[in-house]
Amino acid sequence: MISLKQLHYALAIEKTLHFKKAAEACNISQSALSTAINELEKQLDVTLFERNNKQVLVTINGQLILNKAKQVKLKLDELLQISQTNKQPFLAL
């Protein structure tokens, strides 16, 4: 099952186009980030990023998936905002 954490990591890579910088931004090791992305790509059966020793590029399919991941993140942020706004219990009438 795809996790929100995997999507968060993938979006960090898209932003930095660098696995080490993305790992630092997510406060995890580079190997943990790479493992999570490899598992995400395996689950989706899609290569999100083309990578070599010099650069990271987002694939066409990766861009489509990451655009959806951004939408998921926005909806999650909305859920969290609602939960923070409505912390007071309902008043009984």
PDB file of N, CA and C in Angstrom:
ATOM      1  N   MET A   1       0.839  -1.180   0.000  1.00  0.00           N
ATOM      2  CA  MET A   1       0.000   0.000   0.000  1.00  0.00           C
ATOM      3  C   MET A   1       0.888   1.248   0.000  1.00  0.00           C
ATOM      4  N   ILE A   2       0.507   2.196  -0.796  1.00  0.00           N
ATOM      5  CA  ILE A   2       1.243   3.457  -0.884  1.00  0.00           C
ATOM      6  C   ILE A   2       1.012   4.243   0.396  1.00  0.00           C
ATOM      7  N   SER A   3       2.088   4.804   0.941  1.00  0.00           N
ATOM      8  CA  SER A   3       1.958   5.574   2.179  1.00  0.00           C
ATOM      9  C   SER A   3       2.109   7.073   1.900  1.00  0.00           C
ATOM     10  N   LEU A   4       1.548   7.858   2.794  1.00  0.00           N
ATOM     11  CA  LEU A   4       1.704   9.307   2.697  1.00  0.00           C
ATOM     12  C   LEU A   4       3.175   9.694   2.839  1.00  0.00           C
ATOM     13  N   LYS A   5       3.893   8.938   3.637  1.00  0.00           N
ATOM     14  CA  LYS A   5       5.314   9.204   3.835  1.00  0.00           C
ATOM     15  C   LYS A   5       6.067   9.049   2.509  1.00  0.00           C
ATOM     16  N   GLN A   6       5.745   7.999   1.750  1.00  0.00           N
ATOM     17  CA  GLN A   6       6.392   7.798   0.454  1.00  0.00           C
ATOM     18  C   GLN A   6       6.094   8.977  -0.474  1.00  0.00           C
ATOM     19  N   LEU A   7       4.856   9.439  -0.483  1.00  0.00           N
ATOM     20  CA  LEU A   7       4.490  10.575  -1.327  1.00  0.00           C
ATOM     21  C   LEU A   7       5.234  11.836  -0.883  1.00  0.00           C
ATOM     22  N   HIS A   8       5.341  12.016   0.417  1.00  0.00           N
ATOM     23  CA  HIS A   8       6.083  13.169   0.964  1.00  0.00           C
ATOM     24  C   HIS A   8       7.542  13.127   0.495  1.00  0.00           C
ATOM     25  N   TYR A   9       8.148  11.967   0.565  1.00  0.00           N
ATOM     26  CA  TYR A   9       9.540  11.810   0.131  1.00  0.00           C
ATOM     27  C   TYR A   9       9.677  12.084  -1.371  1.00  0.00           C
ATOM     28  N   ALA A  10       8.749  11.555  -2.151  1.00  0.00           N
ATOM     29  CA  ALA A  10       8.804  11.758  -3.603  1.00  0.00           C
ATOM     30  C   ALA A  10       8.670  13.240  -3.942  1.00  0.00           C
ATOM     31  N   LEU A  11       7.796  13.942  -3.246  1.00  0.00           N
ATOM     32  CA  LEU A  11       7.636  15.376  -3.490  1.00  0.00           C
ATOM     33  C   LEU A  11       8.887  16.153  -3.086  1.00  0.00           C
ATOM     34  N   ALA A  12       9.563  15.697  -2.050  1.00  0.00           N
ATOM     35  CA  ALA A  12      10.824  16.343  -1.637  1.00  0.00           C
ATOM     36  C   ALA A  12      11.897  16.155  -2.710  1.00  0.00           C
ATOM     37  N   ILE A  13      11.937  14.972  -3.309  1.00  0.00           N
ATOM     38  CA  ILE A  13      12.903  14.731  -4.385  1.00  0.00           C
ATOM     39  C   ILE A  13      12.568  15.596  -5.587  1.00  0.00           C
ATOM     40  N   GLU A  14      11.294  15.671  -5.912  1.00  0.00           N
ATOM     41  CA  GLU A  14      10.889  16.513  -7.044  1.00  0.00           C
ATOM     42  C   GLU A  14      11.328  17.963  -6.810  1.00  0.00           C
ATOM     43  N   LYS A  15      11.174  18.430  -5.590  1.00  0.00           N
ATOM     44  CA  LYS A  15      11.519  19.819  -5.258  1.00  0.00           C
ATOM     45  C   LYS A  15      13.024  20.073  -5.354  1.00  0.00           C
ATOM     46  N   THR A  16      13.820  19.134  -4.846  1.00  0.00           N
ATOM     47  CA  THR A  16      15.266  19.352  -4.795  1.00  0.00           C
ATOM     48  C   THR A  16      16.013  18.766  -5.987  1.00  0.00           C
ATOM     49  N   LEU A  17      15.389  17.785  -6.651  1.00  0.00           N
ATOM     50  CA  LEU A  17      16.049  17.016  -7.717  1.00  0.00           C
ATOM     51  C   LEU A  17      17.384  16.444  -7.236  1.00  0.00           C
ATOM     52  N   HIS A  18      17.372  16.010  -5.966  1.00  0.00           N
ATOM     53  CA  HIS A  18      18.593  15.479  -5.356  1.00  0.00           C
ATOM     54  C   HIS A  18      18.186  14.593  -4.182  1.00  0.00           C
ATOM     55  N   PHE A  19      18.625  13.337  -4.197  1.00  0.00           N
ATOM     56  CA  PHE A  19      18.218  12.407  -3.146  1.00  0.00           C
ATOM     57  C   PHE A  19      18.787  12.792  -1.781  1.00  0.00           C
ATOM     58  N   LYS A  20      20.043  13.200  -1.732  1.00  0.00           N
ATOM     59  CA  LYS A  20      20.646  13.542  -0.436  1.00  0.00           C
ATOM     60  C   LYS A  20      19.983  14.780   0.166  1.00  0.00           C
ATOM     61  N   LYS A  21      19.758  15.807  -0.653  1.00  0.00           N
ATOM     62  CA  LYS A  21      19.107  17.023  -0.154  1.00  0.00           C
ATOM     63  C   LYS A  21      17.674  16.741   0.280  1.00  0.00           C
ATOM     64  N   ALA A  22      16.977  15.898  -0.468  1.00  0.00           N
ATOM     65  CA  ALA A  22      15.608  15.531  -0.098  1.00  0.00           C
ATOM     66  C   ALA A  22      15.596  14.774   1.221  1.00  0.00           C
ATOM     67  N   ALA A  23      16.554  13.868   1.397  1.00  0.00           N
ATOM     68  CA  ALA A  23      16.647  13.107   2.648  1.00  0.00           C
ATOM     69  C   ALA A  23      16.902  14.046   3.823  1.00  0.00           C
ATOM     70  N   GLU A  24      17.787  15.005   3.635  1.00  0.00           N
ATOM     71  CA  GLU A  24      18.071  15.978   4.693  1.00  0.00           C
ATOM     72  C   GLU A  24      16.815  16.795   5.021  1.00  0.00           C
ATOM     73  N   ALA A  25      16.079  17.202   3.995  1.00  0.00           N
ATOM     74  CA  ALA A  25      14.854  17.983   4.204  1.00  0.00           C
ATOM     75  C   ALA A  25      13.792  17.172   4.952  1.00  0.00           C
ATOM     76  N   CYS A  26      13.812  15.850   4.750  1.00  0.00           N
ATOM     77  CA  CYS A  26      12.838  14.965   5.402  1.00  0.00           C
ATOM     78  C   CYS A  26      13.357  14.405   6.726  1.00  0.00           C
ATOM     79  N   ASN A  27      14.578  14.778   7.089  1.00  0.00           N
ATOM     80  CA  ASN A  27      15.212  14.308   8.329  1.00  0.00           C
ATOM     81  C   ASN A  27      15.306  12.785   8.410  1.00  0.00           C
ATOM     82  N   ILE A  28      15.700  12.165   7.291  1.00  0.00           N
ATOM     83  CA  ILE A  28      15.937  10.720   7.261  1.00  0.00           C
ATOM     84  C   ILE A  28      17.235  10.461   6.524  1.00  0.00           C
ATOM     85  N   SER A  29      17.698   9.239   6.580  1.00  0.00           N
ATOM     86  CA  SER A  29      18.920   8.897   5.858  1.00  0.00           C
ATOM     87  C   SER A  29      18.615   8.782   4.366  1.00  0.00           C
ATOM     88  N   GLN A  30      19.648   8.964   3.577  1.00  0.00           N
ATOM     89  CA  GLN A  30      19.482   8.842   2.133  1.00  0.00           C
ATOM     90  C   GLN A  30      19.075   7.422   1.755  1.00  0.00           C
ATOM     91  N   SER A  31      19.611   6.436   2.450  1.00  0.00           N
ATOM     92  CA  SER A  31      19.266   5.048   2.131  1.00  0.00           C
ATOM     93  C   SER A  31      17.799   4.761   2.459  1.00  0.00           C
ATOM     94  N   ALA A  32      17.276   5.330   3.558  1.00  0.00           N
ATOM     95  CA  ALA A  32      15.869   5.135   3.899  1.00  0.00           C
ATOM     96  C   ALA A  32      14.969   5.786   2.850  1.00  0.00           C
ATOM     97  N   LEU A  33      15.356   6.961   2.392  1.00  0.00           N
ATOM     98  CA  LEU A  33      14.586   7.645   1.362  1.00  0.00           C
ATOM     99  C   LEU A  33      14.614   6.840   0.067  1.00  0.00           C
ATOM    100  N   SER A  34      15.782   6.381  -0.334  1.00  0.00           N
ATOM    101  CA  SER A  34      15.912   5.587  -1.558  1.00  0.00           C
ATOM    102  C   SER A  34      15.086   4.312  -1.484  1.00  0.00           C
ATOM    103  N   THR A  35      15.110   3.661  -0.335  1.00  0.00           N
ATOM    104  CA  THR A  35      14.325   2.445  -0.145  1.00  0.00           C
ATOM    105  C   THR A  35      12.841   2.734  -0.284  1.00  0.00           C
ATOM    106  N   ALA A  36      12.379   3.815   0.325  1.00  0.00           N
ATOM    107  CA  ALA A  36      10.962   4.188   0.256  1.00  0.00           C
ATOM    108  C   ALA A  36      10.548   4.494  -1.183  1.00  0.00           C
ATOM    109  N   ILE A  37      11.400   5.185  -1.922  1.00  0.00           N
ATOM    110  CA  ILE A  37      11.077   5.533  -3.310  1.00  0.00           C
ATOM    111  C   ILE A  37      11.118   4.288  -4.190  1.00  0.00           C
ATOM    112  N   ASN A  38      12.085   3.425  -3.978  1.00  0.00           N
ATOM    113  CA  ASN A  38      12.137   2.176  -4.743  1.00  0.00           C
ATOM    114  C   ASN A  38      10.885   1.344  -4.506  1.00  0.00           C
ATOM    115  N   GLU A  39      10.422   1.294  -3.262  1.00  0.00           N
ATOM    116  CA  GLU A  39       9.211   0.543  -2.931  1.00  0.00           C
ATOM    117  C   GLU A  39       7.981   1.199  -3.572  1.00  0.00           C
ATOM    118  N   LEU A  40       7.919   2.523  -3.549  1.00  0.00           N
ATOM    119  CA  LEU A  40       6.814   3.242  -4.184  1.00  0.00           C
ATOM    120  C   LEU A  40       6.785   2.955  -5.683  1.00  0.00           C
ATOM    121  N   GLU A  41       7.939   3.024  -6.320  1.00  0.00           N
ATOM    122  CA  GLU A  41       8.013   2.745  -7.759  1.00  0.00           C
ATOM    123  C   GLU A  41       7.607   1.292  -8.052  1.00  0.00           C
ATOM    124  N   LYS A  42       7.993   0.392  -7.188  1.00  0.00           N
ATOM    125  CA  LYS A  42       7.620  -1.010  -7.354  1.00  0.00           C
ATOM    126  C   LYS A  42       6.108  -1.169  -7.211  1.00  0.00           C
ATOM    127  N   GLN A  43       5.527  -0.535  -6.210  1.00  0.00           N
ATOM    128  CA  GLN A  43       4.080  -0.630  -5.989  1.00  0.00           C
ATOM    129  C   GLN A  43       3.292  -0.062  -7.164  1.00  0.00           C
ATOM    130  N   LEU A  44       3.778   1.021  -7.722  1.00  0.00           N
ATOM    131  CA  LEU A  44       3.099   1.673  -8.844  1.00  0.00           C
ATOM    132  C   LEU A  44       3.476   1.062 -10.189  1.00  0.00           C
ATOM    133  N   ASP A  45       4.553   0.293 -10.198  1.00  0.00           N
ATOM    134  CA  ASP A  45       5.109  -0.273 -11.439  1.00  0.00           C
ATOM    135  C   ASP A  45       5.434   0.838 -12.442  1.00  0.00           C
ATOM    136  N   VAL A  46       6.022   1.919 -11.907  1.00  0.00           N
ATOM    137  CA  VAL A  46       6.373   3.097 -12.699  1.00  0.00           C
ATOM    138  C   VAL A  46       7.700   3.650 -12.175  1.00  0.00           C
ATOM    139  N   THR A  47       8.526   4.122 -13.077  1.00  0.00           N
ATOM    140  CA  THR A  47       9.737   4.837 -12.674  1.00  0.00           C
ATOM    141  C   THR A  47       9.384   6.309 -12.536  1.00  0.00           C
ATOM    142  N   LEU A  48       9.520   6.827 -11.331  1.00  0.00           N
ATOM    143  CA  LEU A  48       9.211   8.235 -11.075  1.00  0.00           C
ATOM    144  C   LEU A  48      10.376   9.141 -11.446  1.00  0.00           C
ATOM    145  N   PHE A  49      11.580   8.650 -11.158  1.00  0.00           N
ATOM    146  CA  PHE A  49      12.784   9.460 -11.343  1.00  0.00           C
ATOM    147  C   PHE A  49      13.822   8.698 -12.145  1.00  0.00           C
ATOM    148  N   GLU A  50      14.431   9.382 -13.103  1.00  0.00           N
ATOM    149  CA  GLU A  50      15.613   8.868 -13.784  1.00  0.00           C
ATOM    150  C   GLU A  50      16.791   9.431 -13.010  1.00  0.00           C
ATOM    151  N   ARG A  51      17.687   8.562 -12.586  1.00  0.00           N
ATOM    152  CA  ARG A  51      18.798   9.046 -11.796  1.00  0.00           C
ATOM    153  C   ARG A  51      20.102   8.401 -12.234  1.00  0.00           C
ATOM    154  N   ASN A  52      21.154   9.195 -12.091  1.00  0.00           N
ATOM    155  CA  ASN A  52      22.521   8.710 -12.263  1.00  0.00           C
ATOM    156  C   ASN A  52      23.382   9.435 -11.244  1.00  0.00           C
ATOM    157  N   ASN A  53      24.673   9.344 -11.375  1.00  0.00           N
ATOM    158  CA  ASN A  53      25.564   9.964 -10.383  1.00  0.00           C
ATOM    159  C   ASN A  53      25.534  11.485 -10.416  1.00  0.00           C
ATOM    160  N   LYS A  54      25.042  12.065 -11.503  1.00  0.00           N
ATOM    161  CA  LYS A  54      25.115  13.513 -11.651  1.00  0.00           C
ATOM    162  C   LYS A  54      23.785  14.245 -11.514  1.00  0.00           C
ATOM    163  N   GLN A  55      22.671  13.568 -11.833  1.00  0.00           N
ATOM    164  CA  GLN A  55      21.399  14.300 -11.795  1.00  0.00           C
ATOM    165  C   GLN A  55      20.212  13.382 -11.565  1.00  0.00           C
ATOM    166  N   VAL A  56      19.124  14.017 -11.164  1.00  0.00           N
ATOM    167  CA  VAL A  56      17.839  13.337 -10.982  1.00  0.00           C
ATOM    168  C   VAL A  56      16.831  14.086 -11.847  1.00  0.00           C
ATOM    169  N   LEU A  57      16.099  13.342 -12.663  1.00  0.00           N
ATOM    170  CA  LEU A  57      15.068  13.919 -13.509  1.00  0.00           C
ATOM    171  C   LEU A  57      13.746  13.227 -13.223  1.00  0.00           C
ATOM    172  N   VAL A  58      12.666  13.981 -13.291  1.00  0.00           N
ATOM    173  CA  VAL A  58      11.333  13.416 -13.115  1.00  0.00           C
ATOM    174  C   VAL A  58      10.871  12.887 -14.469  1.00  0.00           C
ATOM    175  N   THR A  59      10.405  11.641 -14.499  1.00  0.00           N
ATOM    176  CA  THR A  59       9.896  11.065 -15.741  1.00  0.00           C
ATOM    177  C   THR A  59       8.526  11.662 -16.058  1.00  0.00           C
ATOM    178  N   ILE A  60       8.054  11.426 -17.256  1.00  0.00           N
ATOM    179  CA  ILE A  60       6.726  11.912 -17.648  1.00  0.00           C
ATOM    180  C   ILE A  60       5.660  11.285 -16.753  1.00  0.00           C
ATOM    181  N   ASN A  61       5.718   9.962 -16.582  1.00  0.00           N
ATOM    182  CA  ASN A  61       4.762   9.299 -15.690  1.00  0.00           C
ATOM    183  C   ASN A  61       4.946   9.767 -14.256  1.00  0.00           C
ATOM    184  N   GLY A  62       6.182  10.007 -13.870  1.00  0.00           N
ATOM    185  CA  GLY A  62       6.461  10.517 -12.531  1.00  0.00           C
ATOM    186  C   GLY A  62       5.801  11.858 -12.304  1.00  0.00           C
ATOM    187  N   GLN A  63       5.841  12.726 -13.304  1.00  0.00           N
ATOM    188  CA  GLN A  63       5.221  14.045 -13.170  1.00  0.00           C
ATOM    189  C   GLN A  63       3.715  13.926 -13.003  1.00  0.00           C
ATOM    190  N   LEU A  64       3.098  13.024 -13.754  1.00  0.00           N
ATOM    191  CA  LEU A  64       1.653  12.815 -13.617  1.00  0.00           C
ATOM    192  C   LEU A  64       1.304  12.336 -12.209  1.00  0.00           C
ATOM    193  N   ILE A  65       2.080  11.408 -11.702  1.00  0.00           N
ATOM    194  CA  ILE A  65       1.826  10.854 -10.365  1.00  0.00           C
ATOM    195  C   ILE A  65       2.113  11.893  -9.293  1.00  0.00           C
ATOM    196  N   LEU A  66       3.189  12.639  -9.451  1.00  0.00           N
ATOM    197  CA  LEU A  66       3.526  13.653  -8.455  1.00  0.00           C
ATOM    198  C   LEU A  66       2.499  14.791  -8.434  1.00  0.00           C
ATOM    199  N   ASN A  67       1.911  15.093  -9.575  1.00  0.00           N
ATOM    200  CA  ASN A  67       0.831  16.088  -9.587  1.00  0.00           C
ATOM    201  C   ASN A  67      -0.348  15.599  -8.745  1.00  0.00           C
ATOM    202  N   LYS A  68      -0.677  14.333  -8.852  1.00  0.00           N
ATOM    203  CA  LYS A  68      -1.749  13.755  -8.026  1.00  0.00           C
ATOM    204  C   LYS A  68      -1.329  13.730  -6.556  1.00  0.00           C
ATOM    205  N   ALA A  69      -0.060  13.443  -6.294  1.00  0.00           N
ATOM    206  CA  ALA A  69       0.444  13.424  -4.916  1.00  0.00           C
ATOM    207  C   ALA A  69       0.314  14.806  -4.286  1.00  0.00           C
ATOM    208  N   LYS A  70       0.538  15.850  -5.062  1.00  0.00           N
ATOM    209  CA  LYS A  70       0.365  17.220  -4.553  1.00  0.00           C
ATOM    210  C   LYS A  70      -1.090  17.467  -4.172  1.00  0.00           C
ATOM    211  N   GLN A  71      -2.013  16.945  -4.969  1.00  0.00           N
ATOM    212  CA  GLN A  71      -3.434  17.096  -4.657  1.00  0.00           C
ATOM    213  C   GLN A  71      -3.779  16.354  -3.364  1.00  0.00           C
ATOM    214  N   VAL A  72      -3.221  15.163  -3.200  1.00  0.00           N
ATOM    215  CA  VAL A  72      -3.447  14.390  -1.975  1.00  0.00           C
ATOM    216  C   VAL A  72      -2.922  15.170  -0.774  1.00  0.00           C
ATOM    217  N   LYS A  73      -1.727  15.740  -0.912  1.00  0.00           N
ATOM    218  CA  LYS A  73      -1.130  16.504   0.187  1.00  0.00           C
ATOM    219  C   LYS A  73      -1.997  17.719   0.539  1.00  0.00           C
ATOM    220  N   LEU A  74      -2.517  18.406  -0.466  1.00  0.00           N
ATOM    221  CA  LEU A  74      -3.392  19.554  -0.203  1.00  0.00           C
ATOM    222  C   LEU A  74      -4.642  19.127   0.554  1.00  0.00           C
ATOM    223  N   LYS A  75      -5.239  18.012   0.157  1.00  0.00           N
ATOM    224  CA  LYS A  75      -6.439  17.513   0.848  1.00  0.00           C
ATOM    225  C   LYS A  75      -6.107  17.109   2.279  1.00  0.00           C
ATOM    226  N   LEU A  76      -4.964  16.489   2.480  1.00  0.00           N
ATOM    227  CA  LEU A  76      -4.545  16.118   3.825  1.00  0.00           C
ATOM    228  C   LEU A  76      -4.340  17.367   4.683  1.00  0.00           C
ATOM    229  N   ASP A  77      -3.714  18.372   4.107  1.00  0.00           N
ATOM    230  CA  ASP A  77      -3.521  19.634   4.835  1.00  0.00           C
ATOM    231  C   ASP A  77      -4.872  20.252   5.219  1.00  0.00           C
ATOM    232  N   GLU A  78      -5.855  20.146   4.310  1.00  0.00           N
ATOM    233  CA  GLU A  78      -7.201  20.645   4.614  1.00  0.00           C
ATOM    234  C   GLU A  78      -7.815  19.865   5.786  1.00  0.00           C
ATOM    235  N   LEU A  79      -7.655  18.540   5.780  1.00  0.00           N
ATOM    236  CA  LEU A  79      -8.163  17.724   6.883  1.00  0.00           C
ATOM    237  C   LEU A  79      -7.529  18.132   8.206  1.00  0.00           C
ATOM    238  N   LEU A  80      -6.235  18.336   8.193  1.00  0.00           N
ATOM    239  CA  LEU A  80      -5.540  18.736   9.416  1.00  0.00           C
ATOM    240  C   LEU A  80      -5.991  20.115   9.883  1.00  0.00           C
ATOM    241  N   GLN A  81      -6.219  21.013   8.938  1.00  0.00           N
ATOM    242  CA  GLN A  81      -6.689  22.355   9.282  1.00  0.00           C
ATOM    243  C   GLN A  81      -8.067  22.286   9.913  1.00  0.00           C
ATOM    244  N   ILE A  82      -8.956  21.481   9.346  1.00  0.00           N
ATOM    245  CA  ILE A  82     -10.300  21.319   9.906  1.00  0.00           C
ATOM    246  C   ILE A  82     -10.222  20.763  11.322  1.00  0.00           C
ATOM    247  N   SER A  83      -9.370  19.774  11.514  1.00  0.00           N
ATOM    248  CA  SER A  83      -9.267  19.168  12.842  1.00  0.00           C
ATOM    249  C   SER A  83      -8.723  20.154  13.868  1.00  0.00           C
ATOM    250  N   GLN A  84      -7.817  21.023  13.475  1.00  0.00           N
ATOM    251  CA  GLN A  84      -7.273  22.018  14.394  1.00  0.00           C
ATOM    252  C   GLN A  84      -8.291  23.117  14.694  1.00  0.00           C
ATOM    253  N   THR A  85      -9.084  23.476  13.698  1.00  0.00           N
ATOM    254  CA  THR A  85     -10.066  24.537  13.852  1.00  0.00           C
ATOM    255  C   THR A  85     -11.233  24.098  14.729  1.00  0.00           C
ATOM    256  N   ASN A  86     -11.601  22.841  14.663  1.00  0.00           N
ATOM    257  CA  ASN A  86     -12.804  22.345  15.339  1.00  0.00           C
ATOM    258  C   ASN A  86     -12.477  21.469  16.534  1.00  0.00           C
ATOM    259  N   LYS A  87     -11.525  21.874  17.338  1.00  0.00           N
ATOM    260  CA  LYS A  87     -11.139  21.073  18.499  1.00  0.00           C
ATOM    261  C   LYS A  87     -12.126  21.171  19.659  1.00  0.00           C
ATOM    262  N   GLN A  88     -12.912  22.229  19.697  1.00  0.00           N
ATOM    263  CA  GLN A  88     -13.838  22.379  20.814  1.00  0.00           C
ATOM    264  C   GLN A  88     -15.001  21.396  20.657  1.00  0.00           C
ATOM    265  N   PRO A  89     -15.443  20.800  21.747  1.00  0.00           N
ATOM    266  CA  PRO A  89     -16.547  19.835  21.663  1.00  0.00           C
ATOM    267  C   PRO A  89     -17.860  20.546  21.329  1.00  0.00           C
ATOM    268  N   PHE A  90     -18.768  19.786  20.755  1.00  0.00           N
ATOM    269  CA  PHE A  90     -20.091  20.321  20.459  1.00  0.00           C
ATOM    270  C   PHE A  90     -20.823  20.567  21.767  1.00  0.00           C
ATOM    271  N   LEU A  91     -21.599  21.618  21.808  1.00  0.00           N
ATOM    272  CA  LEU A  91     -22.378  21.941  22.996  1.00  0.00           C
ATOM    273  C   LEU A  91     -23.722  21.223  22.906  1.00  0.00           C
ATOM    274  N   ALA A  92     -24.128  20.606  23.994  1.00  0.00           N
ATOM    275  CA  ALA A  92     -25.430  19.951  24.034  1.00  0.00           C
ATOM    276  C   ALA A  92     -26.498  21.008  24.183  1.00  0.00           C
ATOM    277  N   LEU A  93     -27.589  20.826  23.455  1.00  0.00           N
ATOM    278  CA  LEU A  93     -28.698  21.790  23.531  1.00  0.00           C
ATOM    279  C   LEU A  93     -29.684  21.377  24.583  1.00  0.00           C
TER     280      LEU A  93
END
